[in-house]
Amino acid sequence: MIQVVAAIIFNHNEVLIAKRNKEKYLGGFWEFPGGKIEKGETPEESLIREIKEELDIEIKIIDKFGETVYDYQAFKINLMAYKAEIDGGCIVAREHEAWRWVKIEALGAYEFAPADVVFVQKLMRGKQDNF
């Protein structure tokens, strides 16, 4: 099983979402940015590194948001999501086609990668405690 992390980055009542590059697996789907955990990294270390690599920003992790296992027929992932906020830098989409700030109640208008859907649903149900 592949260990993956995602950042749910908040800015007031909006969250940052990113559109996967059309050349990659699940291209065109929206997601909460992040990536694979490398050997020797904690999930938090991995997430900070991935966000810097993908979006050129520093983040501060607030708390764990949730965890899910999703079976994409070719592989299975354990996706851990963390609440975070920007702690420096300006967003540059290095690996994504696009990015945007979206109000939580509007997340349903976007087609998310299947593993991310559980977190979209949790946000839309108002379970984003302590924001």
Protein backbone atom coordinates (compact mmCIF):
# COMPACT_ATOMS: atom_id res chain seq x y z
CA MET A 1 0.00 0.00 0.00
CA ILE A 2 1.29 3.46 -0.91
CA GLN A 3 1.40 6.01 1.93
CA VAL A 4 0.23 9.44 0.73
CA VAL A 5 -0.38 12.79 2.43
CA ALA A 6 -2.60 15.72 1.47
CA ALA A 7 -2.86 19.28 2.76
CA ILE A 8 -6.19 20.93 3.35
CA ILE A 9 -4.92 24.49 3.36
CA PHE A 10 -7.33 27.03 4.77
CA ASN A 11 -7.62 30.75 4.10
CA HIS A 12 -10.61 32.04 6.09
CA ASN A 13 -13.63 30.10 4.75
CA GLU A 14 -11.85 28.82 1.62
CA VAL A 15 -9.60 25.85 0.92
CA LEU A 16 -6.87 25.43 -1.66
CA ILE A 17 -7.46 22.83 -4.35
CA ALA A 18 -5.24 21.87 -7.28
CA LYS A 19 -6.04 20.29 -10.66
CA ARG A 20 -3.91 17.26 -11.52
CA ASN A 21 -1.79 17.54 -14.64
CA LYS A 22 -3.57 15.91 -17.58
CA GLU A 23 -0.41 13.93 -18.40
CA LYS A 24 -0.44 12.16 -15.01
CA TYR A 25 -2.60 9.41 -13.51
CA LEU A 26 -6.06 10.87 -12.71
CA GLY A 27 -5.19 13.89 -14.84
CA GLY A 28 -7.86 16.59 -14.85
CA PHE A 29 -9.24 15.68 -11.43
CA TRP A 30 -9.03 18.16 -8.56
CA GLU A 31 -7.30 17.22 -5.32
CA PHE A 32 -5.94 18.49 -2.07
CA PRO A 33 -2.23 18.85 -2.88
CA GLY A 34 0.38 16.53 -1.43
CA GLY A 35 2.17 13.36 -2.41
CA LYS A 36 3.92 10.15 -1.45
CA ILE A 37 5.77 9.72 1.81
CA GLU A 38 9.42 8.95 1.18
CA LYS A 39 11.43 6.47 3.23
CA GLY A 40 12.53 7.95 6.56
CA GLU A 41 9.97 10.79 6.53
CA THR A 42 7.11 11.35 8.92
CA PRO A 43 3.81 12.19 7.23
CA GLU A 44 4.17 15.80 8.38
CA GLU A 45 7.73 16.12 7.01
CA SER A 46 6.59 14.63 3.73
CA LEU A 47 3.67 17.02 3.43
CA ILE A 48 5.82 20.09 4.08
CA ARG A 49 8.33 18.89 1.44
CA GLU A 50 5.66 18.00 -1.13
CA ILE A 51 3.85 21.35 -0.82
CA LYS A 52 7.13 23.22 -1.21
CA GLU A 53 7.99 21.16 -4.31
CA GLU A 54 4.53 21.38 -5.90
CA LEU A 55 3.38 24.88 -4.94
CA ASP A 56 6.53 26.70 -3.76
CA ILE A 57 4.98 27.65 -0.41
CA GLU A 58 5.79 26.93 3.20
CA ILE A 59 2.96 25.54 5.30
CA LYS A 60 2.29 25.17 8.99
CA ILE A 61 0.46 21.97 9.85
CA ILE A 62 -2.34 22.55 12.32
CA ASP A 63 -3.76 19.09 12.96
CA LYS A 64 -4.65 15.79 11.32
CA PHE A 65 -7.96 16.04 9.45
CA GLY A 66 -8.57 12.41 8.58
CA GLU A 67 -7.34 9.24 6.97
CA THR A 68 -8.77 6.90 4.34
CA VAL A 69 -7.76 3.89 2.30
CA TYR A 70 -8.70 3.86 -1.37
CA ASP A 71 -8.23 1.03 -3.85
CA TYR A 72 -7.45 2.32 -7.34
CA GLN A 73 -7.51 -0.93 -9.28
CA ALA A 74 -3.79 -0.65 -10.11
CA PHE A 75 -2.74 0.17 -6.53
CA LYS A 76 -4.06 0.94 -3.07
CA ILE A 77 -3.29 4.11 -1.10
CA ASN A 78 -3.53 5.15 2.52
CA LEU A 79 -4.27 8.87 2.30
CA MET A 80 -3.69 11.02 5.38
CA ALA A 81 -5.01 14.59 5.26
CA TYR A 82 -3.78 17.42 7.47
CA LYS A 83 -5.25 20.86 8.14
CA ALA A 84 -2.68 23.51 7.32
CA GLU A 85 -2.16 27.18 6.60
CA ILE A 86 0.34 29.06 4.46
CA ASP A 87 3.38 30.17 6.42
CA GLY A 88 5.33 31.83 3.61
CA GLY A 89 5.78 32.21 -0.12
CA CYS A 90 3.48 32.74 -3.08
CA ILE A 91 1.68 29.87 -4.77
CA VAL A 92 3.21 28.68 -8.04
CA ALA A 93 1.67 25.62 -9.72
CA ARG A 94 4.76 23.58 -10.57
CA GLU A 95 3.10 20.21 -11.04
CA HIS A 96 -0.60 21.04 -11.38
CA GLU A 97 -2.55 22.49 -14.29
CA ALA A 98 -4.29 24.99 -12.03
CA TRP A 99 -5.04 25.89 -8.44
CA ARG A 100 -7.73 27.95 -6.75
CA TRP A 101 -9.23 29.00 -3.46
CA VAL A 102 -12.75 27.59 -3.15
CA LYS A 103 -15.45 28.19 -0.57
CA ILE A 104 -16.17 24.98 1.30
CA GLU A 105 -19.82 24.96 0.24
CA ALA A 106 -18.73 25.12 -3.45
CA LEU A 107 -16.42 22.08 -3.35
CA GLY A 108 -19.18 19.85 -4.73
CA ALA A 109 -18.93 21.64 -8.08
CA TYR A 110 -15.46 20.16 -8.69
CA GLU A 111 -14.63 16.63 -9.80
CA PHE A 112 -12.17 15.33 -7.20
CA ALA A 113 -9.86 12.34 -7.37
CA PRO A 114 -11.78 9.47 -5.75
CA ALA A 115 -9.53 9.18 -2.67
CA ASP A 116 -10.08 12.88 -1.87
CA VAL A 117 -13.89 12.68 -2.01
CA VAL A 118 -14.21 11.53 1.62
CA PHE A 119 -12.45 14.73 2.76
CA VAL A 120 -14.62 16.90 0.51
CA GLN A 121 -17.71 15.32 2.05
CA LYS A 122 -16.38 15.80 5.58
CA LEU A 123 -15.67 19.48 4.90
CA MET A 124 -19.08 20.04 3.36
CA ARG A 125 -20.82 18.42 6.33
CA GLY A 126 -19.20 21.04 8.53
CA LYS A 127 -16.81 18.70 10.31
CA GLN A 128 -13.79 21.00 9.95
CA ASP A 129 -13.66 21.62 13.68
CA ASN A 130 -11.57 24.49 15.06
CA PHE A 131 -11.31 26.71 11.98
